[in-house]
Amino acid sequence: MNRYEQIQELAYKANMELPKLNLVIFTFGNVSASDKYLGAFAIKPSGVPYNELSPDKMVIVDFDGKVIKGKLRPSSDTKTHAVLYKECEDIGGICHTHSIYATAWAQAQRDIPIYGTTHADHKTVDIPCAPPMHDDMIQGDYEYQTGYQILNCLKEKNLSYKEVEMILVGNHAPFTWGKTAEKAVYNSAVLESIAQMALLTEQINPKAARLKDSLIKKHFERKHGPDSYYGQ
């Protein structure tokens, strides 16, 4: 039995959600699923259309970004995934897209302000945007450095990867993560929705106020707090 079969299946299913959720076009985007016990993750092969994917085409890579198993070349973003897995113990899945609205905010080099309760249902802070990468990092191991671009931004903003689970990479696009590949995709869809709502908010009212702290606290805690009462 293929010892990596489970994470290949998880990665495949998560990748197939991206076009269904209108988060990607053509071959844009990728999702990976990891197994910390195996010290490896499965990731989408580079440049392969979604309708041609299958579980066995998911490439197995270690946390240093080296291919362990697979006939196809892994995603060009593989080293970014590898850095995040290696540095963040609780991440089990990572998603990268170039979804329209989140990418637009990334290109504008702006954090997404917390304007409404939809945002607060998921996060209590603005969605951070990492500054564009320095030239020396770009000219070096670019995808590897992207991982640290993300981690450095979180550190500078005093944010935990467990708290935020999503970020915009300046002039690039969003990355999201979670305990599973499925959760990473969920976070990517939530981020895209929040990004669209925030843009429309600013278009309707350029002077729109941020959501007040009491509403942020109420909406987040009713869904995620110790006395949460959302859902069954």
C-alpha atoms as a PDB file:
ATOM      1  CA  MET A   1       0.000   0.000   0.000  1.00  0.00           C
ATOM      2  CA  ASN A   2       1.184   3.513  -0.825  1.00  0.00           C
ATOM      3  CA  ARG A   3       2.016   5.108   2.553  1.00  0.00           C
ATOM      4  CA  TYR A   4       1.298   8.541   1.085  1.00  0.00           C
ATOM      5  CA  GLU A   5      -2.084   7.597  -0.352  1.00  0.00           C
ATOM      6  CA  GLN A   6      -4.095   9.420   2.300  1.00  0.00           C
ATOM      7  CA  ILE A   7      -2.444  12.810   1.851  1.00  0.00           C
ATOM      8  CA  GLN A   8      -2.514  12.414  -1.927  1.00  0.00           C
ATOM      9  CA  GLU A   9      -6.278  11.877  -1.746  1.00  0.00           C
ATOM     10  CA  LEU A  10      -6.714  14.840   0.616  1.00  0.00           C
ATOM     11  CA  ALA A  11      -4.631  17.111  -1.596  1.00  0.00           C
ATOM     12  CA  TYR A  12      -6.481  15.998  -4.716  1.00  0.00           C
ATOM     13  CA  LYS A  13      -9.919  16.632  -3.227  1.00  0.00           C
ATOM     14  CA  ALA A  14      -8.870  20.027  -1.898  1.00  0.00           C
ATOM     15  CA  ASN A  15      -7.403  21.103  -5.233  1.00  0.00           C
ATOM     16  CA  MET A  16     -10.574  20.095  -7.046  1.00  0.00           C
ATOM     17  CA  GLU A  17     -12.560  22.500  -4.840  1.00  0.00           C
ATOM     18  CA  LEU A  18     -10.679  25.528  -6.150  1.00  0.00           C
ATOM     19  CA  PRO A  19     -12.327  25.748  -9.599  1.00  0.00           C
ATOM     20  CA  LYS A  20     -15.707  24.815  -8.083  1.00  0.00           C
ATOM     21  CA  LEU A  21     -15.438  27.809  -5.744  1.00  0.00           C
ATOM     22  CA  ASN A  22     -14.258  30.121  -8.544  1.00  0.00           C
ATOM     23  CA  LEU A  23     -10.964  30.690  -6.789  1.00  0.00           C
ATOM     24  CA  VAL A  24      -8.789  29.777  -9.786  1.00  0.00           C
ATOM     25  CA  ILE A  25      -8.732  29.809 -13.585  1.00  0.00           C
ATOM     26  CA  PHE A  26      -6.674  27.598 -15.895  1.00  0.00           C
ATOM     27  CA  THR A  27      -3.807  26.091 -13.835  1.00  0.00           C
ATOM     28  CA  PHE A  28      -3.523  28.926 -11.293  1.00  0.00           C
ATOM     29  CA  GLY A  29      -3.332  27.988  -7.630  1.00  0.00           C
ATOM     30  CA  ASN A  30      -2.447  24.943  -5.564  1.00  0.00           C
ATOM     31  CA  VAL A  31      -3.286  23.139  -2.344  1.00  0.00           C
ATOM     32  CA  SER A  32      -1.137  20.804  -0.280  1.00  0.00           C
ATOM     33  CA  ALA A  33      -1.892  18.361   2.534  1.00  0.00           C
ATOM     34  CA  SER A  34       0.742  17.299   5.054  1.00  0.00           C
ATOM     35  CA  ASP A  35       1.454  14.438   7.414  1.00  0.00           C
ATOM     36  CA  LYS A  36       3.871  15.495  10.139  1.00  0.00           C
ATOM     37  CA  TYR A  37       4.456  11.864  11.166  1.00  0.00           C
ATOM     38  CA  LEU A  38       5.654  11.033   7.640  1.00  0.00           C
ATOM     39  CA  GLY A  39       7.531  14.333   7.401  1.00  0.00           C
ATOM     40  CA  ALA A  40       5.999  15.006   4.019  1.00  0.00           C
ATOM     41  CA  PHE A  41       3.214  16.702   2.105  1.00  0.00           C
ATOM     42  CA  ALA A  42       1.327  16.112  -1.127  1.00  0.00           C
ATOM     43  CA  ILE A  43       0.958  19.012  -3.535  1.00  0.00           C
ATOM     44  CA  LYS A  44      -0.509  19.742  -6.960  1.00  0.00           C
ATOM     45  CA  PRO A  45       1.863  19.179  -9.891  1.00  0.00           C
ATOM     46  CA  SER A  46       2.947  22.322 -11.713  1.00  0.00           C
ATOM     47  CA  GLY A  47       0.944  23.495 -14.712  1.00  0.00           C
ATOM     48  CA  VAL A  48      -1.443  20.537 -14.879  1.00  0.00           C
ATOM     49  CA  PRO A  49      -5.102  21.472 -15.613  1.00  0.00           C
ATOM     50  CA  TYR A  50      -7.512  20.619 -12.821  1.00  0.00           C
ATOM     51  CA  ASN A  51      -9.588  18.307 -15.028  1.00  0.00           C
ATOM     52  CA  GLU A  52      -6.475  16.191 -15.632  1.00  0.00           C
ATOM     53  CA  LEU A  53      -5.589  15.732 -11.968  1.00  0.00           C
ATOM     54  CA  SER A  54      -5.909  12.497  -9.987  1.00  0.00           C
ATOM     55  CA  PRO A  55      -4.731  11.478  -6.500  1.00  0.00           C
ATOM     56  CA  ASP A  56      -1.720   9.596  -7.838  1.00  0.00           C
ATOM     57  CA  LYS A  57      -0.520  12.726  -9.678  1.00  0.00           C
ATOM     58  CA  MET A  58      -0.108  14.604  -6.396  1.00  0.00           C
ATOM     59  CA  VAL A  59       3.632  14.958  -5.793  1.00  0.00           C
ATOM     60  CA  ILE A  60       5.099  13.951  -2.425  1.00  0.00           C
ATOM     61  CA  VAL A  61       7.650  16.399  -1.014  1.00  0.00           C
ATOM     62  CA  ASP A  62       9.541  16.620   2.283  1.00  0.00           C
ATOM     63  CA  PHE A  63       9.664  19.705   4.514  1.00  0.00           C
ATOM     64  CA  ASP A  64      12.896  20.827   2.848  1.00  0.00           C
ATOM     65  CA  GLY A  65      11.102  20.969  -0.492  1.00  0.00           C
ATOM     66  CA  LYS A  66      12.717  17.852  -1.964  1.00  0.00           C
ATOM     67  CA  VAL A  67      10.607  15.455  -4.032  1.00  0.00           C
ATOM     68  CA  ILE A  68      10.167  12.060  -2.413  1.00  0.00           C
ATOM     69  CA  LYS A  69       7.702  10.485  -4.817  1.00  0.00           C
ATOM     70  CA  GLY A  70       6.096  11.438  -8.098  1.00  0.00           C
ATOM     71  CA  LYS A  71       6.831  11.554 -11.812  1.00  0.00           C
ATOM     72  CA  LEU A  72       5.659  15.155 -12.279  1.00  0.00           C
ATOM     73  CA  ARG A  73       7.302  18.391 -11.198  1.00  0.00           C
ATOM     74  CA  PRO A  74       5.586  19.830  -8.086  1.00  0.00           C
ATOM     75  CA  SER A  75       4.003  23.274  -7.939  1.00  0.00           C
ATOM     76  CA  SER A  76       6.384  26.202  -8.371  1.00  0.00           C
ATOM     77  CA  ASP A  77       5.215  27.346  -4.911  1.00  0.00           C
ATOM     78  CA  THR A  78       6.355  24.116  -3.239  1.00  0.00           C
ATOM     79  CA  LYS A  79       9.207  25.683  -1.266  1.00  0.00           C
ATOM     80  CA  THR A  80       6.834  28.270   0.207  1.00  0.00           C
ATOM     81  CA  HIS A  81       4.593  25.450   1.456  1.00  0.00           C
ATOM     82  CA  ALA A  82       7.651  23.600   2.786  1.00  0.00           C
ATOM     83  CA  VAL A  83       8.810  26.592   4.853  1.00  0.00           C
ATOM     84  CA  LEU A  84       5.373  27.070   6.405  1.00  0.00           C
ATOM     85  CA  TYR A  85       5.066  23.378   7.288  1.00  0.00           C
ATOM     86  CA  LYS A  86       8.555  23.282   8.758  1.00  0.00           C
ATOM     87  CA  GLU A  87       8.139  26.431  10.844  1.00  0.00           C
ATOM     88  CA  CYS A  88       4.477  26.035  11.903  1.00  0.00           C
ATOM     89  CA  GLU A  89       3.776  22.785  13.708  1.00  0.00           C
ATOM     90  CA  ASP A  90      -0.029  22.889  13.613  1.00  0.00           C
ATOM     91  CA  ILE A  91      -0.490  23.576   9.896  1.00  0.00           C
ATOM     92  CA  GLY A  92      -1.865  20.538   8.060  1.00  0.00           C
ATOM     93  CA  GLY A  93      -2.932  22.147   4.793  1.00  0.00           C
ATOM     94  CA  ILE A  94      -1.973  25.187   2.700  1.00  0.00           C
ATOM     95  CA  CYS A  95      -3.830  26.876  -0.151  1.00  0.00           C
ATOM     96  CA  HIS A  96      -2.522  29.462  -2.629  1.00  0.00           C
ATOM     97  CA  THR A  97      -4.714  31.127  -5.239  1.00  0.00           C
ATOM     98  CA  HIS A  98      -4.799  34.236  -7.381  1.00  0.00           C
ATOM     99  CA  SER A  99      -8.468  34.854  -6.626  1.00  0.00           C
ATOM    100  CA  ILE A 100      -9.563  38.206  -8.023  1.00  0.00           C
ATOM    101  CA  TYR A 101     -10.519  40.300  -5.011  1.00  0.00           C
ATOM    102  CA  ALA A 102      -7.920  39.051  -2.534  1.00  0.00           C
ATOM    103  CA  THR A 103      -5.226  39.422  -5.189  1.00  0.00           C
ATOM    104  CA  ALA A 104      -6.390  42.963  -5.941  1.00  0.00           C
ATOM    105  CA  TRP A 105      -5.858  43.909  -2.276  1.00  0.00           C
ATOM    106  CA  ALA A 106      -2.428  42.231  -2.391  1.00  0.00           C
ATOM    107  CA  GLN A 107      -1.528  44.231  -5.501  1.00  0.00           C
ATOM    108  CA  ALA A 108      -2.673  47.404  -3.736  1.00  0.00           C
ATOM    109  CA  GLN A 109      -0.369  46.423  -0.841  1.00  0.00           C
ATOM    110  CA  ARG A 110      -3.140  46.946   1.684  1.00  0.00           C
ATOM    111  CA  ASP A 111      -4.354  45.068   4.723  1.00  0.00           C
ATOM    112  CA  ILE A 112      -8.087  44.315   4.461  1.00  0.00           C
ATOM    113  CA  PRO A 113      -9.802  46.356   7.211  1.00  0.00           C
ATOM    114  CA  ILE A 114     -12.356  44.693   9.424  1.00  0.00           C
ATOM    115  CA  TYR A 115     -15.514  46.509   8.322  1.00  0.00           C
ATOM    116  CA  GLY A 116     -18.291  44.094   9.192  1.00  0.00           C
ATOM    117  CA  THR A 117     -19.541  41.123  11.141  1.00  0.00           C
ATOM    118  CA  THR A 118     -18.835  38.645   8.323  1.00  0.00           C
ATOM    119  CA  HIS A 119     -15.152  39.407   8.784  1.00  0.00           C
ATOM    120  CA  ALA A 120     -15.497  39.281  12.582  1.00  0.00           C
ATOM    121  CA  ASP A 121     -17.204  35.880  12.401  1.00  0.00           C
ATOM    122  CA  HIS A 122     -13.833  34.522  11.282  1.00  0.00           C
ATOM    123  CA  LYS A 123     -11.092  36.925  12.393  1.00  0.00           C
ATOM    124  CA  THR A 124     -10.749  39.722  14.957  1.00  0.00           C
ATOM    125  CA  VAL A 125      -8.035  41.631  13.080  1.00  0.00           C
ATOM    126  CA  ASP A 126      -7.429  43.129   9.658  1.00  0.00           C
ATOM    127  CA  ILE A 127      -6.225  40.578   7.088  1.00  0.00           C
ATOM    128  CA  PRO A 128      -2.490  41.379   6.890  1.00  0.00           C
ATOM    129  CA  CYS A 129      -0.632  42.174   3.693  1.00  0.00           C
ATOM    130  CA  ALA A 130       3.075  41.368   3.712  1.00  0.00           C
ATOM    131  CA  PRO A 131       5.246  44.109   2.162  1.00  0.00           C
ATOM    132  CA  PRO A 132       6.737  43.364  -1.264  1.00  0.00           C
ATOM    133  CA  MET A 133       9.881  41.275  -1.103  1.00  0.00           C
ATOM    134  CA  HIS A 134      13.306  42.941  -1.014  1.00  0.00           C
ATOM    135  CA  ASP A 135      15.420  42.638  -4.164  1.00  0.00           C
ATOM    136  CA  ASP A 136      18.066  40.450  -2.545  1.00  0.00           C
ATOM    137  CA  MET A 137      15.371  37.952  -1.541  1.00  0.00           C
ATOM    138  CA  ILE A 138      13.835  38.034  -5.039  1.00  0.00           C
ATOM    139  CA  GLN A 139      17.212  37.328  -6.631  1.00  0.00           C
ATOM    140  CA  GLY A 140      17.858  34.461  -4.230  1.00  0.00           C
ATOM    141  CA  ASP A 141      15.667  31.408  -3.610  1.00  0.00           C
ATOM    142  CA  TYR A 142      12.423  33.269  -4.363  1.00  0.00           C
ATOM    143  CA  GLU A 143       9.777  30.709  -3.392  1.00  0.00           C
ATOM    144  CA  TYR A 144      11.697  29.728  -0.264  1.00  0.00           C
ATOM    145  CA  GLN A 145      11.974  33.386   0.726  1.00  0.00           C
ATOM    146  CA  THR A 146       8.223  33.861   0.168  1.00  0.00           C
ATOM    147  CA  GLY A 147       7.636  31.547   3.110  1.00  0.00           C
ATOM    148  CA  TYR A 148       9.728  33.798   5.332  1.00  0.00           C
ATOM    149  CA  GLN A 149       8.136  36.901   3.836  1.00  0.00           C
ATOM    150  CA  ILE A 150       4.854  35.552   5.236  1.00  0.00           C
ATOM    151  CA  LEU A 151       6.279  34.548   8.623  1.00  0.00           C
ATOM    152  CA  ASN A 152       8.188  37.833   9.036  1.00  0.00           C
ATOM    153  CA  CYS A 153       5.034  39.837   8.360  1.00  0.00           C
ATOM    154  CA  LEU A 154       3.097  37.923  11.006  1.00  0.00           C
ATOM    155  CA  LYS A 155       5.933  38.411  13.487  1.00  0.00           C
ATOM    156  CA  GLU A 156       6.180  42.154  12.776  1.00  0.00           C
ATOM    157  CA  LYS A 157       2.427  42.567  13.260  1.00  0.00           C
ATOM    158  CA  ASN A 158       2.517  40.417  16.407  1.00  0.00           C
ATOM    159  CA  LEU A 159       0.083  37.912  14.903  1.00  0.00           C
ATOM    160  CA  SER A 160       0.025  34.138  15.339  1.00  0.00           C
ATOM    161  CA  TYR A 161      -0.394  31.826  12.360  1.00  0.00           C
ATOM    162  CA  LYS A 162      -2.944  29.993  14.528  1.00  0.00           C
ATOM    163  CA  GLU A 163      -4.977  33.172  14.923  1.00  0.00           C
ATOM    164  CA  VAL A 164      -4.953  34.516  11.369  1.00  0.00           C
ATOM    165  CA  GLU A 165      -4.675  31.520   8.960  1.00  0.00           C
ATOM    166  CA  MET A 166      -4.587  33.860   5.949  1.00  0.00           C
ATOM    167  CA  ILE A 167      -2.355  36.535   4.481  1.00  0.00           C
ATOM    168  CA  LEU A 168      -1.866  38.626   1.368  1.00  0.00           C
ATOM    169  CA  VAL A 169       1.618  38.682  -0.136  1.00  0.00           C
ATOM    170  CA  GLY A 170       2.229  42.199  -1.445  1.00  0.00           C
ATOM    171  CA  ASN A 171       2.059  42.482  -5.258  1.00  0.00           C
ATOM    172  CA  HIS A 172       1.492  38.732  -5.396  1.00  0.00           C
ATOM    173  CA  ALA A 173      -1.599  36.950  -4.052  1.00  0.00           C
ATOM    174  CA  PRO A 174      -3.126  35.235  -1.005  1.00  0.00           C
ATOM    175  CA  PHE A 175      -1.975  32.238   0.983  1.00  0.00           C
ATOM    176  CA  THR A 176      -4.200  30.500   3.525  1.00  0.00           C
ATOM    177  CA  TRP A 177      -3.701  27.523   5.812  1.00  0.00           C
ATOM    178  CA  GLY A 178      -5.361  25.426   8.491  1.00  0.00           C
ATOM    179  CA  LYS A 179      -5.223  22.165  10.374  1.00  0.00           C
ATOM    180  CA  THR A 180      -6.372  20.377   7.202  1.00  0.00           C
ATOM    181  CA  ALA A 181      -6.242  21.015   3.469  1.00  0.00           C
ATOM    182  CA  GLU A 182     -10.034  21.301   3.525  1.00  0.00           C
ATOM    183  CA  LYS A 183      -9.830  24.096   6.127  1.00  0.00           C
ATOM    184  CA  ALA A 184      -7.167  25.886   4.093  1.00  0.00           C
ATOM    185  CA  VAL A 185      -9.516  25.954   1.082  1.00  0.00           C
ATOM    186  CA  TYR A 186     -12.384  27.112   3.300  1.00  0.00           C
ATOM    187  CA  ASN A 187     -10.199  29.965   4.534  1.00  0.00           C
ATOM    188  CA  SER A 188      -9.324  30.891   0.965  1.00  0.00           C
ATOM    189  CA  ALA A 189     -13.014  31.138   0.048  1.00  0.00           C
ATOM    190  CA  VAL A 190     -13.762  33.187   3.179  1.00  0.00           C
ATOM    191  CA  LEU A 191     -10.853  35.527   2.404  1.00  0.00           C
ATOM    192  CA  GLU A 192     -12.084  36.095  -1.139  1.00  0.00           C
ATOM    193  CA  SER A 193     -15.573  36.946   0.114  1.00  0.00           C
ATOM    194  CA  ILE A 194     -14.238  39.329   2.767  1.00  0.00           C
ATOM    195  CA  ALA A 195     -11.979  40.997   0.184  1.00  0.00           C
ATOM    196  CA  GLN A 196     -14.915  41.573  -2.172  1.00  0.00           C
ATOM    197  CA  MET A 197     -17.136  42.965   0.575  1.00  0.00           C
ATOM    198  CA  ALA A 198     -14.393  45.322   1.785  1.00  0.00           C
ATOM    199  CA  LEU A 199     -13.829  46.672  -1.722  1.00  0.00           C
ATOM    200  CA  LEU A 200     -17.546  47.303  -2.240  1.00  0.00           C
ATOM    201  CA  THR A 201     -17.764  48.927   1.199  1.00  0.00           C
ATOM    202  CA  GLU A 202     -15.053  51.427   0.299  1.00  0.00           C
ATOM    203  CA  GLN A 203     -16.640  52.127  -3.075  1.00  0.00           C
ATOM    204  CA  ILE A 204     -20.031  52.823  -1.492  1.00  0.00           C
ATOM    205  CA  ASN A 205     -18.573  54.822   1.369  1.00  0.00           C
ATOM    206  CA  PRO A 206     -14.862  55.779   1.166  1.00  0.00           C
ATOM    207  CA  LYS A 207     -15.111  56.987   4.762  1.00  0.00           C
ATOM    208  CA  ALA A 208     -16.625  53.774   6.123  1.00  0.00           C
ATOM    209  CA  ALA A 209     -15.701  53.172   9.761  1.00  0.00           C
ATOM    210  CA  ARG A 210     -14.076  50.006  11.028  1.00  0.00           C
ATOM    211  CA  LEU A 211     -16.289  47.644  12.967  1.00  0.00           C
ATOM    212  CA  LYS A 212     -16.355  48.641  16.628  1.00  0.00           C
ATOM    213  CA  ASP A 213     -14.583  46.432  19.147  1.00  0.00           C
ATOM    214  CA  SER A 214     -17.731  45.325  20.956  1.00  0.00           C
ATOM    215  CA  LEU A 215     -19.202  43.861  17.737  1.00  0.00           C
ATOM    216  CA  ILE A 216     -15.902  42.243  16.793  1.00  0.00           C
ATOM    217  CA  LYS A 217     -15.767  40.516  20.176  1.00  0.00           C
ATOM    218  CA  LYS A 218     -19.432  39.466  20.115  1.00  0.00           C
ATOM    219  CA  HIS A 219     -19.383  37.969  16.628  1.00  0.00           C
ATOM    220  CA  PHE A 220     -16.097  36.157  17.000  1.00  0.00           C
ATOM    221  CA  GLU A 221     -16.868  34.719  20.421  1.00  0.00           C
ATOM    222  CA  ARG A 222     -20.388  33.590  19.605  1.00  0.00           C
ATOM    223  CA  LYS A 223     -18.810  31.369  16.946  1.00  0.00           C
ATOM    224  CA  HIS A 224     -15.410  30.512  18.424  1.00  0.00           C
ATOM    225  CA  GLY A 225     -15.423  31.509  22.118  1.00  0.00           C
ATOM    226  CA  PRO A 226     -15.718  29.199  25.150  1.00  0.00           C
ATOM    227  CA  ASP A 227     -19.465  29.867  25.327  1.00  0.00           C
ATOM    228  CA  SER A 228     -20.083  29.802  21.570  1.00  0.00           C
ATOM    229  CA  TYR A 229     -23.630  29.075  20.478  1.00  0.00           C
ATOM    230  CA  TYR A 230     -23.396  29.129  16.671  1.00  0.00           C
ATOM    231  CA  GLY A 231     -24.271  25.870  14.912  1.00  0.00           C
ATOM    232  CA  GLN A 232     -25.469  22.525  16.214  1.00  0.00           C
END
